[in-house]
Protein backbone atom coordinates (compact mmCIF):
# COMPACT_ATOMS: atom_id res chain seq x y z
CA MET A 1 -46.98 51.98 13.28
CA GLY A 2 -44.73 48.98 13.32
CA SER A 3 -42.54 47.97 10.37
CA GLY A 4 -44.49 45.29 8.98
CA GLU A 5 -47.83 47.64 8.73
CA PRO A 6 -46.35 49.88 5.75
CA THR A 7 -45.24 46.97 3.96
CA ARG A 8 -48.98 45.48 4.18
CA ALA A 9 -50.64 48.71 3.55
CA ARG A 10 -48.29 48.87 0.46
CA ALA A 11 -49.14 45.52 -0.50
CA VAL A 12 -53.27 46.33 -0.15
CA VAL A 13 -52.58 49.71 -2.43
CA SER A 14 -50.68 47.59 -5.09
CA SER A 15 -53.37 44.57 -5.31
CA SER A 16 -56.50 47.05 -5.11
CA HIS A 17 -55.40 49.23 -8.02
CA LYS A 18 -54.22 46.56 -10.75
CA GLN A 19 -55.01 47.42 -14.13
CA ARG A 20 -58.38 46.71 -15.54
CA LYS A 21 -58.17 45.35 -19.09
CA PRO A 22 -60.95 47.51 -21.38
CA ARG A 23 -63.85 45.82 -23.02
CA GLN A 24 -63.56 44.66 -26.38
CA GLU A 25 -65.57 46.76 -28.61
CA ILE A 26 -64.37 45.33 -32.14
CA SER A 27 -66.50 42.29 -33.61
CA ALA A 28 -63.90 39.82 -35.04
CA CYS A 29 -66.26 38.36 -37.26
CA LEU A 30 -67.43 42.06 -38.90
CA LYS A 31 -63.61 42.72 -39.05
CA TRP A 32 -62.75 39.39 -40.72
CA LEU A 33 -65.45 39.62 -42.87
CA VAL A 34 -64.45 42.93 -44.52
CA PHE A 35 -61.23 41.95 -44.73
CA LEU A 36 -61.90 38.79 -46.98
CA LEU A 37 -64.26 40.33 -48.92
CA ASN A 38 -61.78 43.26 -49.86
CA SER A 39 -59.05 40.79 -50.77
CA ILE A 40 -61.33 38.61 -52.87
CA VAL A 41 -61.94 42.07 -54.89
CA PHE A 42 -58.56 43.16 -54.84
CA LEU A 43 -57.54 39.87 -56.72
CA VAL A 44 -60.14 40.45 -59.14
CA GLY A 45 -58.83 43.71 -59.63
CA VAL A 46 -55.29 43.00 -60.11
CA GLY A 47 -56.52 40.21 -62.91
CA ILE A 48 -58.56 42.98 -64.50
CA LEU A 49 -55.23 45.27 -64.44
CA ALA A 50 -53.21 42.56 -65.65
CA LEU A 51 -55.75 41.74 -68.83
CA GLY A 52 -55.72 45.59 -69.46
CA VAL A 53 -51.69 46.06 -69.61
CA TYR A 54 -51.42 42.61 -71.52
CA LEU A 55 -53.75 43.93 -74.23
CA PHE A 56 -52.28 47.30 -74.51
CA ILE A 57 -48.53 45.91 -74.90
CA LYS A 58 -49.97 43.33 -77.26
CA ASP A 59 -51.53 45.88 -79.57
CA PHE A 60 -49.64 48.88 -78.50
CA ARG A 61 -50.34 52.15 -80.59
CA GLU A 62 -50.07 55.88 -80.17
CA VAL A 63 -51.49 57.26 -76.94
CA LYS A 64 -53.74 60.47 -77.08
CA LEU A 65 -55.75 62.27 -74.78
CA VAL A 66 -59.18 60.69 -76.29
CA ASP A 67 -57.65 57.39 -76.15
CA ILE A 68 -58.25 57.34 -72.00
CA ILE A 69 -61.83 57.15 -73.17
CA LEU A 70 -61.82 54.96 -76.83
CA ASN A 71 -58.91 52.78 -75.78
CA PRO A 72 -60.29 49.90 -74.49
CA ALA A 73 -57.29 48.44 -73.19
CA ILE A 74 -56.45 51.79 -71.30
CA LEU A 75 -60.22 51.42 -69.98
CA ILE A 76 -59.84 48.12 -68.64
CA SER A 77 -56.39 48.99 -66.97
CA ILE A 78 -58.17 52.07 -65.36
CA PHE A 79 -60.87 50.03 -64.13
CA GLY A 80 -58.80 47.35 -62.64
CA PHE A 81 -56.36 50.02 -60.83
CA SER A 82 -59.32 51.84 -59.48
CA ILE A 83 -60.27 48.21 -58.30
CA CYS A 84 -57.40 47.44 -56.67
CA VAL A 85 -56.69 51.06 -54.89
CA VAL A 86 -60.61 50.68 -53.26
CA SER A 87 -60.04 47.25 -52.09
CA PHE A 88 -56.69 47.44 -50.99
CA PHE A 89 -58.08 50.56 -48.67
CA GLY A 90 -60.85 48.30 -47.28
CA PHE A 91 -58.86 45.44 -46.25
CA MET A 92 -55.95 47.22 -44.95
CA GLY A 93 -58.23 49.38 -42.99
CA ALA A 94 -60.05 46.17 -41.41
CA LEU A 95 -56.77 44.23 -41.13
CA ARG A 96 -54.83 47.30 -39.23
CA ASP A 97 -58.01 49.01 -37.37
CA ASN A 98 -57.22 52.37 -39.28
CA ILE A 99 -60.20 54.48 -38.99
CA PHE A 100 -58.73 56.63 -41.75
CA LEU A 101 -58.44 53.84 -44.41
CA LEU A 102 -61.92 52.62 -43.45
CA LYS A 103 -63.59 55.82 -44.16
CA CYS A 104 -61.50 56.32 -47.35
CA PHE A 105 -62.93 53.22 -48.67
CA ALA A 106 -66.48 53.95 -47.79
CA ALA A 107 -66.26 57.35 -49.40
CA CYS A 108 -64.58 55.64 -52.42
CA VAL A 109 -67.21 52.99 -52.75
CA PHE A 110 -70.16 55.45 -52.52
CA LEU A 111 -68.41 57.67 -54.95
CA SER A 112 -67.84 55.21 -57.61
CA TYR A 113 -71.36 54.04 -57.22
CA ILE A 114 -72.60 57.60 -58.21
CA LEU A 115 -70.20 57.62 -61.14
CA VAL A 116 -71.96 54.83 -62.26
CA VAL A 117 -75.45 56.38 -61.91
CA ALA A 118 -73.85 59.65 -63.36
CA VAL A 119 -72.44 57.50 -66.75
CA THR A 120 -76.28 55.39 -66.80
CA LEU A 121 -77.86 59.08 -67.19
CA VAL A 122 -75.45 59.92 -69.72
CA PHE A 123 -76.09 56.80 -71.59
CA PHE A 124 -80.08 57.70 -71.46
CA THR A 125 -79.30 61.00 -72.68
CA LEU A 126 -77.09 60.13 -75.59
CA PHE A 127 -79.61 57.83 -76.91
CA TYR A 128 -82.93 59.78 -76.18
CA THR A 129 -81.83 63.09 -77.60
CA ASP A 130 -82.64 63.72 -81.23
CA THR A 131 -80.49 66.21 -81.54
CA THR A 132 -77.53 66.58 -84.19
CA GLU A 133 -75.60 69.29 -82.81
CA GLY A 134 -75.37 68.59 -78.90
CA LEU A 135 -74.26 65.52 -77.14
CA SER A 136 -76.10 62.78 -78.58
CA ALA A 137 -75.49 59.11 -80.21
CA ASN A 138 -75.93 60.80 -83.45
CA TRP A 139 -73.03 63.07 -82.89
CA LEU A 140 -70.58 60.72 -81.52
CA LEU A 141 -71.06 58.38 -84.64
CA LEU A 142 -70.67 61.48 -86.94
CA TYR A 143 -67.62 61.89 -84.97
CA ALA A 144 -66.16 58.85 -85.34
CA VAL A 145 -66.89 58.80 -89.01
CA LYS A 146 -65.05 61.86 -89.81
CA ASN A 147 -61.76 60.63 -87.46
CA TYR A 148 -62.21 57.06 -88.75
CA HIS A 149 -58.70 57.40 -90.32
CA THR A 150 -56.61 59.19 -88.02
CA ASN A 151 -57.63 57.40 -84.62
CA ARG A 152 -57.25 53.57 -84.83
CA ASN A 153 -59.73 53.25 -81.62
CA LEU A 154 -62.66 54.98 -83.44
CA ALA A 155 -62.05 53.00 -86.26
CA GLU A 156 -62.33 49.81 -84.45
CA ILE A 157 -65.24 50.60 -82.45
CA MET A 158 -66.86 51.45 -85.78
CA ASP A 159 -65.94 48.57 -87.52
CA ALA A 160 -67.45 46.25 -84.65
CA LEU A 161 -70.50 48.33 -84.59
CA GLN A 162 -71.05 47.84 -88.31
CA GLU A 163 -70.21 44.16 -88.54
CA ASN A 164 -72.48 43.59 -85.56
CA LEU A 165 -75.47 45.37 -85.87
CA GLU A 166 -75.31 45.06 -89.73
CA CYS A 167 -75.22 48.78 -90.85
CA CYS A 168 -72.98 51.14 -92.84
CA GLY A 169 -72.91 54.97 -91.70
CA VAL A 170 -74.99 57.00 -89.14
CA SER A 171 -78.43 58.47 -89.62
CA SER A 172 -79.99 57.40 -92.84
CA ILE A 173 -82.24 54.47 -92.64
CA ALA A 174 -82.08 53.79 -96.74
CA GLN A 175 -78.69 55.50 -97.38
CA GLY A 176 -76.37 55.88 -94.20
CA TYR A 177 -73.62 54.83 -96.23
CA ARG A 178 -73.39 58.15 -97.76
CA ASP A 179 -72.14 59.42 -94.57
CA TRP A 180 -68.75 58.25 -95.44
CA ASN A 181 -68.49 60.87 -97.61
CA MET A 182 -67.52 63.08 -94.86
CA SER A 183 -64.65 60.90 -94.12
CA TYR A 184 -60.73 62.41 -95.36
CA GLN A 185 -59.99 58.92 -96.33
CA PHE A 186 -63.39 57.58 -98.50
CA ASN A 187 -64.82 60.95 -99.69
CA CYS A 188 -65.31 61.48 -103.48
CA THR A 189 -63.72 64.96 -104.04
CA ASN A 190 -61.23 65.17 -106.62
CA SER A 191 -58.41 66.47 -104.02
CA ASN A 192 -58.52 63.01 -102.27
CA PRO A 193 -55.46 60.95 -103.35
CA GLN A 194 -56.28 58.05 -101.25
CA PRO A 195 -56.83 54.63 -103.06
CA GLU A 196 -60.29 54.10 -101.12
CA LYS A 197 -61.91 57.19 -102.46
CA CYS A 198 -65.38 56.79 -102.97
CA GLY A 199 -65.54 53.72 -101.42
CA VAL A 200 -66.49 52.52 -97.62
CA PRO A 201 -65.03 50.61 -94.83
CA PHE A 202 -64.61 46.63 -95.44
CA SER A 203 -66.79 46.17 -92.36
CA CYS A 204 -70.02 47.62 -94.63
CA CYS A 205 -69.81 44.42 -96.98
CA ARG A 206 -72.57 41.90 -96.18
CA LYS A 207 -71.12 38.56 -94.84
CA SER A 208 -73.65 36.40 -97.16
CA VAL A 209 -71.11 38.03 -100.04
CA ILE A 210 -68.14 37.23 -97.87
CA SER A 211 -69.26 33.41 -97.33
CA GLU A 212 -70.40 33.07 -100.99
CA ALA A 213 -66.93 34.15 -102.12
CA ALA A 214 -65.35 32.06 -99.37
CA GLY A 215 -67.05 28.65 -101.33
CA SER A 216 -66.14 29.50 -104.38
CA SER A 217 -63.33 27.05 -106.31
CA ASN A 218 -61.02 30.07 -107.18
CA PRO A 219 -59.06 30.71 -104.32
CA LEU A 220 -58.58 34.40 -105.43
CA LEU A 221 -61.92 35.12 -105.76
CA PRO A 222 -62.74 35.90 -102.02
CA ALA A 223 -60.31 38.86 -101.97
CA MET A 224 -61.24 40.05 -105.31
CA ARG A 225 -65.14 40.05 -104.29
CA SER A 226 -64.24 41.66 -100.88
CA LEU A 227 -62.42 44.19 -102.65
CA GLU A 228 -65.11 45.01 -105.24
CA CYS A 229 -68.13 45.16 -102.34
CA TRP A 230 -66.84 48.45 -100.93
CA GLN A 231 -64.89 50.13 -104.20
CA ASN A 232 -66.91 53.14 -105.42
CA ALA A 233 -69.81 52.36 -103.27
CA LEU A 234 -70.59 56.18 -102.92
CA THR A 235 -71.04 56.63 -106.75
CA LYS A 236 -73.74 53.79 -106.73
CA ARG A 237 -77.30 53.75 -105.83
CA PRO A 238 -78.89 51.84 -103.00
CA GLY A 239 -80.47 49.62 -104.88
CA ASP A 240 -77.31 48.75 -106.93
CA LEU A 241 -75.50 47.88 -103.39
CA GLU A 242 -78.15 46.06 -101.60
CA HIS A 243 -76.35 42.56 -102.08
CA ASP A 244 -72.99 43.74 -101.71
CA ILE A 245 -73.11 46.17 -98.40
CA TYR A 246 -75.66 47.24 -95.64
CA THR A 247 -77.33 50.66 -96.79
CA ARG A 248 -78.76 51.48 -93.47
CA GLY A 249 -77.11 53.76 -90.82
CA CYS A 250 -76.12 52.25 -87.55
CA LEU A 251 -78.04 55.08 -85.29
CA GLN A 252 -81.68 53.15 -85.41
CA PRO A 253 -80.23 49.69 -84.70
CA LEU A 254 -78.05 50.99 -81.84
CA ARG A 255 -80.79 52.81 -80.33
CA THR A 256 -83.31 49.77 -80.77
CA LEU A 257 -80.56 47.93 -78.83
CA PHE A 258 -80.48 50.12 -76.04
CA GLU A 259 -84.05 50.53 -75.83
CA SER A 260 -84.36 46.75 -75.65
CA HIS A 261 -81.99 46.57 -72.41
CA ALA A 262 -82.62 50.04 -70.90
CA VAL A 263 -84.90 48.20 -68.21
CA HIS A 264 -81.93 45.56 -67.45
CA VAL A 265 -79.57 48.55 -67.38
CA GLY A 266 -81.66 50.71 -65.08
CA ALA A 267 -82.21 47.60 -62.87
CA PHE A 268 -78.77 46.49 -62.58
CA VAL A 269 -77.68 50.05 -61.62
CA ALA A 270 -80.84 50.11 -59.00
CA LEU A 271 -79.95 46.66 -57.47
CA LEU A 272 -76.35 47.67 -57.46
CA ILE A 273 -77.07 50.09 -54.42
CA VAL A 274 -77.71 47.05 -52.35
CA PRO A 275 -74.07 45.45 -52.25
CA VAL A 276 -72.76 49.26 -51.90
CA CYS A 277 -74.95 50.23 -49.19
CA ILE A 278 -74.03 46.75 -47.36
CA SER A 279 -70.30 47.76 -47.74
CA VAL A 280 -70.63 51.09 -46.65
CA CYS A 281 -72.65 50.31 -43.43
CA LEU A 282 -70.43 47.45 -42.36
CA THR A 283 -67.20 49.67 -43.07
CA ASN A 284 -68.92 52.48 -41.10
CA ILE A 285 -69.85 49.97 -38.16
CA LEU A 286 -66.32 48.70 -38.07
CA ALA A 287 -64.84 52.43 -38.05
CA LYS A 288 -67.16 53.26 -35.09
CA GLN A 289 -66.22 50.12 -33.26
CA VAL A 290 -62.32 51.04 -33.58
CA ASP A 291 -62.99 54.53 -32.70
CA HIS A 292 -64.86 53.49 -29.52
CA GLN A 293 -62.02 50.78 -28.51
CA ARG A 294 -59.60 53.73 -29.10
CA TYR A 295 -61.73 55.70 -27.06
CA LEU A 296 -61.71 52.98 -24.16
CA LEU A 297 -58.00 52.56 -24.55
CA GLU A 298 -57.28 56.26 -23.90
CA ARG A 299 -59.53 56.44 -20.92
CA GLU A 300 -57.98 53.70 -19.18
CA ALA A 301 -54.43 54.90 -20.15
CA ARG A 302 -55.33 58.21 -18.53
CA ARG A 303 -56.63 56.48 -15.26
CA ASN A 304 -53.78 54.24 -15.30
CA ASP A 305 -51.48 57.54 -15.54
CA ARG A 306 -53.68 59.16 -12.44
CA ARG A 307 -53.55 55.67 -10.56
CA ARG A 308 -49.93 55.44 -11.05
CA LYS A 309 -49.66 58.85 -9.65
CA ARG A 310 -51.84 58.43 -6.57
CA ASP A 311 -49.81 55.31 -6.00
CA HIS A 312 -46.35 57.05 -6.29
CA ASN A 313 -47.42 59.54 -3.81
CA ARG A 314 -48.69 57.11 -1.40
CA ARG A 315 -45.34 55.18 -1.70
CA ASP A 316 -43.59 58.29 -0.95
CA GLN A 317 -45.76 59.22 2.28
CA LEU A 318 -45.29 55.60 3.43
CA ASN A 319 -41.45 55.71 2.54
CA SER A 320 -41.43 58.63 4.45
CA LEU A 321 -43.05 57.26 7.65
CA ASP A 322 -41.08 54.02 7.64
CA LEU A 323 -37.64 56.73 7.67
CA LEU A 324 -39.26 58.21 10.49
CA GLU A 325 -39.84 55.20 12.21
CA GLU A 326 -36.57 54.02 11.33
CA GLY A 327 -34.94 57.19 13.05
CA LYS A 328 -36.94 57.09 15.98
CA PHE A 329 -35.93 53.31 16.69
CA ASN A 330 -32.50 54.33 16.16
CA ASN A 331 -32.37 57.43 18.53
CA ALA A 332 -34.12 54.96 21.11
CA SER A 333 -31.28 52.27 21.18
CA ALA A 334 -28.83 55.11 20.89
CA ASN A 335 -30.25 56.67 24.20
CA ALA A 336 -30.56 53.09 25.68
CA THR A 337 -26.80 52.51 25.19
CA ARG A 338 -25.38 55.57 25.87
CA PRO A 339 -24.64 56.70 29.65
CA ARG A 340 -26.80 59.12 31.22
CA PRO A 341 -24.95 62.38 31.94
CA PRO A 342 -24.75 63.48 35.71
CA ASP A 343 -27.42 65.96 36.90
CA ILE A 344 -26.37 69.95 36.48
CA PRO A 345 -28.23 72.26 38.64
CA PRO A 346 -29.92 75.15 36.94
CA PRO A 347 -28.35 78.55 37.35
CA LEU A 348 -29.48 80.61 39.75
CA PRO A 349 -31.43 83.77 39.09
CA PRO A 350 -29.43 86.74 39.54
CA ILE A 351 -29.68 88.60 43.02
CA GLU A 352 -30.80 91.94 43.21
CA HIS A 353 -28.00 94.46 45.15
CA VAL A 354 -30.21 96.18 47.95
CA PRO A 355 -28.29 99.16 49.40
CA ARG A 356 -27.97 98.97 52.65
CA LYS A 357 -29.21 101.85 55.44
CA LYS A 358 -26.57 103.83 57.25
CA SER A 359 -27.26 103.79 61.07
CA ARG A 360 -27.66 107.01 62.71
CA ASN A 361 -24.37 106.53 64.87
CA ALA A 362 -22.35 105.81 61.56
CA SER A 363 -21.11 109.49 61.02
CA SER A 364 -20.34 109.99 64.83
CA SER A 365 -18.20 107.10 65.34
CA PRO A 366 -16.65 104.20 63.17
CA THR A 367 -17.03 101.64 66.02
CA ARG A 368 -18.24 98.28 65.29
CA LYS A 369 -22.02 97.88 65.11
CA PRO A 370 -23.94 96.02 67.64
CA LYS A 371 -24.61 92.50 67.71
CA SER A 372 -28.17 92.62 67.61
CA ALA A 373 -28.09 95.20 64.60
CA GLY A 374 -26.22 92.54 62.63
CA VAL A 375 -28.74 89.61 63.61
CA GLU A 376 -31.49 91.96 62.39
CA ASN A 377 -29.63 92.75 59.10
CA ALA A 378 -28.97 88.97 58.73
CA ALA A 379 -32.70 88.20 59.00
CA ALA A 380 -33.88 90.96 56.75
CA ARG A 381 -31.12 89.72 54.19
CA ARG A 382 -32.49 86.54 54.47
CA LYS A 383 -35.98 87.39 53.91
CA ARG A 384 -34.90 89.63 50.94
CA THR A 385 -33.04 86.51 49.46
CA ALA A 386 -36.19 84.21 49.95
CA THR A 387 -38.40 86.73 48.24
CA THR A 388 -36.38 87.24 45.36
CA THR A 389 -35.31 83.53 44.84
CA ARG A 390 -39.28 82.46 44.94
CA THR A 391 -40.63 82.07 41.48
CA PRO A 392 -44.49 82.44 41.18
CA PRO A 393 -47.00 79.43 41.41
CA ALA A 394 -47.94 79.93 37.49
CA ALA A 395 -44.31 79.97 36.39
CA ALA A 396 -43.13 77.27 38.68
CA GLY A 397 -41.06 74.54 37.21
CA PRO A 398 -40.01 71.14 38.07
CA ALA A 399 -39.44 70.47 41.82
CA PRO A 400 -35.49 71.14 42.35
CA THR A 401 -33.24 68.24 43.33
CA PRO A 402 -31.77 67.68 46.85
CA GLN A 403 -28.50 68.70 45.48
CA ALA A 404 -29.57 72.21 44.14
CA THR A 405 -31.32 72.80 47.16
CA THR A 406 -28.24 72.05 49.27
CA THR A 407 -26.40 74.62 47.19
CA ASN A 408 -28.75 77.12 47.41
CA ARG A 409 -28.61 76.98 50.86
CA THR A 410 -24.90 77.31 51.23
CA HIS A 411 -24.68 80.12 49.12
CA GLN A 412 -27.42 81.67 51.39
CA TRP A 413 -25.11 81.21 54.57
CA VAL A 414 -22.34 82.41 52.96
CA LEU A 415 -24.22 85.81 52.32
CA GLN A 416 -25.46 85.80 55.55
CA GLN A 417 -21.87 85.56 56.68
CA THR A 418 -20.93 88.69 54.69
CA ASP A 419 -23.58 90.73 56.42
CA LEU A 420 -21.89 90.01 59.84
CA VAL A 421 -18.68 91.46 59.11
CA PRO A 422 -18.58 95.37 60.71
CA GLN A 423 -17.76 97.51 57.60
CA LYS A 424 -15.33 100.43 57.90
CA SER A 425 -16.63 103.71 57.29
CA LYS A 426 -15.38 106.07 55.19
CA SER A 427 -12.96 108.58 56.50
């Protein structure tokens, strides 16, 4: 392989394994729709929270555990804060493609709807239950009457109900005002030191009396009449108070008001499920798209890792081949420029020593051997040398060079000459 072929192969490998961009699974319209809707709701929640904090600071009062439910400022603040938190989960999850925040938003919206349904059921239970001991509207109104002087929030709630519903007290239709005898501030017992003894709250006074007093020419008459309308009301008969205060209790008007709007309340709660389901479904769809997109990115990352390892191994193989080829080329060029050494003949194989046979006349006389015997021994020696130096055909190597052949012949001639020299017999 030439030096240009590994480079071309490497270029082919790099071009065939380009990183593929995973397909886009997140819908941009859905993402920004969820973000904008939750942003608007978040701003609304911030406004409600600011209103609640302003009302609480403006009319600051001692906070008790029951005030969390009864104080309107605290209720408004809690409601606004909840809206802010839930909507924050929604728009931050959509903006950052965070599955955890999106699922938290969907769960919070669903739980909020469940809470609204539970509160609605509680209201229906309160107004459609006639028991006076258990949880009912009658029990709640009596609790507010008894704690009217200890809790300012309860006092404001009762005053608003009595002024708007034109009632006084709780249960009785004709003598509901007498329920204020259970209050520590208005009871007629001799142990009551309060100046409002045997009276009722000012909210029980009729509006006609106040307007009539306001239209009088005497500027002090309105204040006097307003004080007279509720003083010693518990000691008078209902007929004497019909023109001054409201005598019926607030339970029946409040129940009538709720029954007239029960259908609207139920319809509102039922229709509220539509935006809740839409928001939850859209959020879950977006969360699934984000999850699938993340899965595709992780799969593509794993593929890229495997591809990178495979390309790295191929590059190592190609580099090793390049190194081998460069080494061969360098060796060939070095051999071409280096002078060739002279041929050295291979070493001769060892010659086996064959003991010579003693002649019959060797023991009788130490005279020189005859010439014919020396010639015969030389012929036998040449034959043995040829036999020992000949290699078998299977193990035959390359053909000997002329120089090696000449050297072998010279060596054989020397051996022959030593055989021709007569040997002295041992004495």
